[in-house]
Amino acid sequence: MSWARATVFSRLLCLTLGAGSFWVARHLTKLGASGLEDVPPPFILLSGLAGLGFLCIAVLGRYPRPDTNH
């Protein structure tokens, strides 16, 4: 496993996707709390984890890539 460097465009895209994922998690939490819809907790958790993953790529600027040498 090697770490590849992300381009500026992909870092900005990941920052946008991370913020959007956190917004979706917050929206689903508010929707479930209001009682309008029953939102299962895994949906909220997965959107939050996706947001963390995207933000890690945006902040660190690197992402794991499988080695093709083996």
C-alpha atoms as a PDB file:
ATOM      1  CA  MET A   1       0.000   0.000   0.000  1.00  0.00           C
ATOM      2  CA  SER A   2       1.388   3.372  -0.979  1.00  0.00           C
ATOM      3  CA  TRP A   3       0.133   6.897  -0.365  1.00  0.00           C
ATOM      4  CA  ALA A   4      -0.636   8.941  -3.475  1.00  0.00           C
ATOM      5  CA  ARG A   5      -0.760  12.740  -3.465  1.00  0.00           C
ATOM      6  CA  ALA A   6      -4.154  14.309  -4.213  1.00  0.00           C
ATOM      7  CA  THR A   7      -4.427  17.192  -6.646  1.00  0.00           C
ATOM      8  CA  VAL A   8      -5.807  20.582  -5.628  1.00  0.00           C
ATOM      9  CA  PHE A   9      -9.044  19.937  -7.522  1.00  0.00           C
ATOM     10  CA  SER A  10      -9.623  16.594  -5.792  1.00  0.00           C
ATOM     11  CA  ARG A  11      -8.862  18.153  -2.387  1.00  0.00           C
ATOM     12  CA  LEU A  12     -11.451  20.876  -2.994  1.00  0.00           C
ATOM     13  CA  LEU A  13     -13.929  18.284  -4.217  1.00  0.00           C
ATOM     14  CA  CYS A  14     -13.333  16.165  -1.087  1.00  0.00           C
ATOM     15  CA  LEU A  15     -13.787  19.239   1.109  1.00  0.00           C
ATOM     16  CA  THR A  16     -17.124  19.955  -0.547  1.00  0.00           C
ATOM     17  CA  LEU A  17     -18.232  16.322  -0.314  1.00  0.00           C
ATOM     18  CA  GLY A  18     -17.172  16.146   3.338  1.00  0.00           C
ATOM     19  CA  ALA A  19     -19.176  19.238   4.234  1.00  0.00           C
ATOM     20  CA  GLY A  20     -22.143  17.881   2.281  1.00  0.00           C
ATOM     21  CA  SER A  21     -21.947  14.540   4.074  1.00  0.00           C
ATOM     22  CA  PHE A  22     -21.955  16.261   7.464  1.00  0.00           C
ATOM     23  CA  TRP A  23     -24.935  18.335   6.370  1.00  0.00           C
ATOM     24  CA  VAL A  24     -26.804  15.155   5.350  1.00  0.00           C
ATOM     25  CA  ALA A  25     -26.001  13.538   8.719  1.00  0.00           C
ATOM     26  CA  ARG A  26     -27.275  16.610  10.561  1.00  0.00           C
ATOM     27  CA  HIS A  27     -30.388  16.786   8.386  1.00  0.00           C
ATOM     28  CA  LEU A  28     -31.171  13.100   8.966  1.00  0.00           C
ATOM     29  CA  THR A  29     -30.670  13.553  12.708  1.00  0.00           C
ATOM     30  CA  LYS A  30     -33.053  16.518  12.809  1.00  0.00           C
ATOM     31  CA  LEU A  31     -35.560  14.664  10.626  1.00  0.00           C
ATOM     32  CA  GLY A  32     -35.506  11.638  12.924  1.00  0.00           C
ATOM     33  CA  ALA A  33     -35.762  13.780  16.059  1.00  0.00           C
ATOM     34  CA  SER A  34     -38.764  15.701  14.739  1.00  0.00           C
ATOM     35  CA  GLY A  35     -40.749  12.488  14.308  1.00  0.00           C
ATOM     36  CA  LEU A  36     -41.673  13.098  10.674  1.00  0.00           C
ATOM     37  CA  GLU A  37     -39.692  10.092   9.476  1.00  0.00           C
ATOM     38  CA  ASP A  38     -38.049   7.132  11.170  1.00  0.00           C
ATOM     39  CA  VAL A  39     -34.384   7.332  10.135  1.00  0.00           C
ATOM     40  CA  PRO A  40     -32.270   4.278  11.036  1.00  0.00           C
ATOM     41  CA  PRO A  41     -29.060   5.182  12.915  1.00  0.00           C
ATOM     42  CA  PRO A  42     -26.751   3.383  10.420  1.00  0.00           C
ATOM     43  CA  PHE A  43     -27.704   5.901   7.725  1.00  0.00           C
ATOM     44  CA  ILE A  44     -26.698   8.780   9.977  1.00  0.00           C
ATOM     45  CA  LEU A  45     -23.500   7.014  11.035  1.00  0.00           C
ATOM     46  CA  LEU A  46     -22.464   6.150   7.478  1.00  0.00           C
ATOM     47  CA  SER A  47     -22.958   9.691   6.213  1.00  0.00           C
ATOM     48  CA  GLY A  48     -20.895  10.997   9.139  1.00  0.00           C
ATOM     49  CA  LEU A  49     -18.112   8.488   8.475  1.00  0.00           C
ATOM     50  CA  ALA A  50     -18.099   9.396   4.787  1.00  0.00           C
ATOM     51  CA  GLY A  51     -17.738  13.036   5.807  1.00  0.00           C
ATOM     52  CA  LEU A  52     -14.769  12.167   8.033  1.00  0.00           C
ATOM     53  CA  GLY A  53     -13.126  10.219   5.223  1.00  0.00           C
ATOM     54  CA  PHE A  54     -13.545  13.012   2.707  1.00  0.00           C
ATOM     55  CA  LEU A  55     -12.262  15.597   5.165  1.00  0.00           C
ATOM     56  CA  CYS A  56      -9.197  13.470   5.952  1.00  0.00           C
ATOM     57  CA  ILE A  57      -8.311  13.375   2.263  1.00  0.00           C
ATOM     58  CA  ALA A  58      -8.911  17.131   1.945  1.00  0.00           C
ATOM     59  CA  VAL A  59      -6.772  18.009   4.973  1.00  0.00           C
ATOM     60  CA  LEU A  60      -3.957  15.473   4.573  1.00  0.00           C
ATOM     61  CA  GLY A  61      -3.771  15.699   0.789  1.00  0.00           C
ATOM     62  CA  ARG A  62      -2.950  12.001   0.441  1.00  0.00           C
ATOM     63  CA  TYR A  63      -4.976   8.832  -0.012  1.00  0.00           C
ATOM     64  CA  PRO A  64      -4.059   5.134   0.133  1.00  0.00           C
ATOM     65  CA  ARG A  65      -3.524   3.365  -3.166  1.00  0.00           C
ATOM     66  CA  PRO A  66      -2.820  -0.372  -3.592  1.00  0.00           C
ATOM     67  CA  ASP A  67       0.683  -1.244  -4.747  1.00  0.00           C
ATOM     68  CA  THR A  68       0.773  -2.774  -8.228  1.00  0.00           C
ATOM     69  CA  ASN A  69       4.355  -4.031  -7.815  1.00  0.00           C
ATOM     70  CA  HIS A  70       3.368  -7.195  -5.945  1.00  0.00           C
END
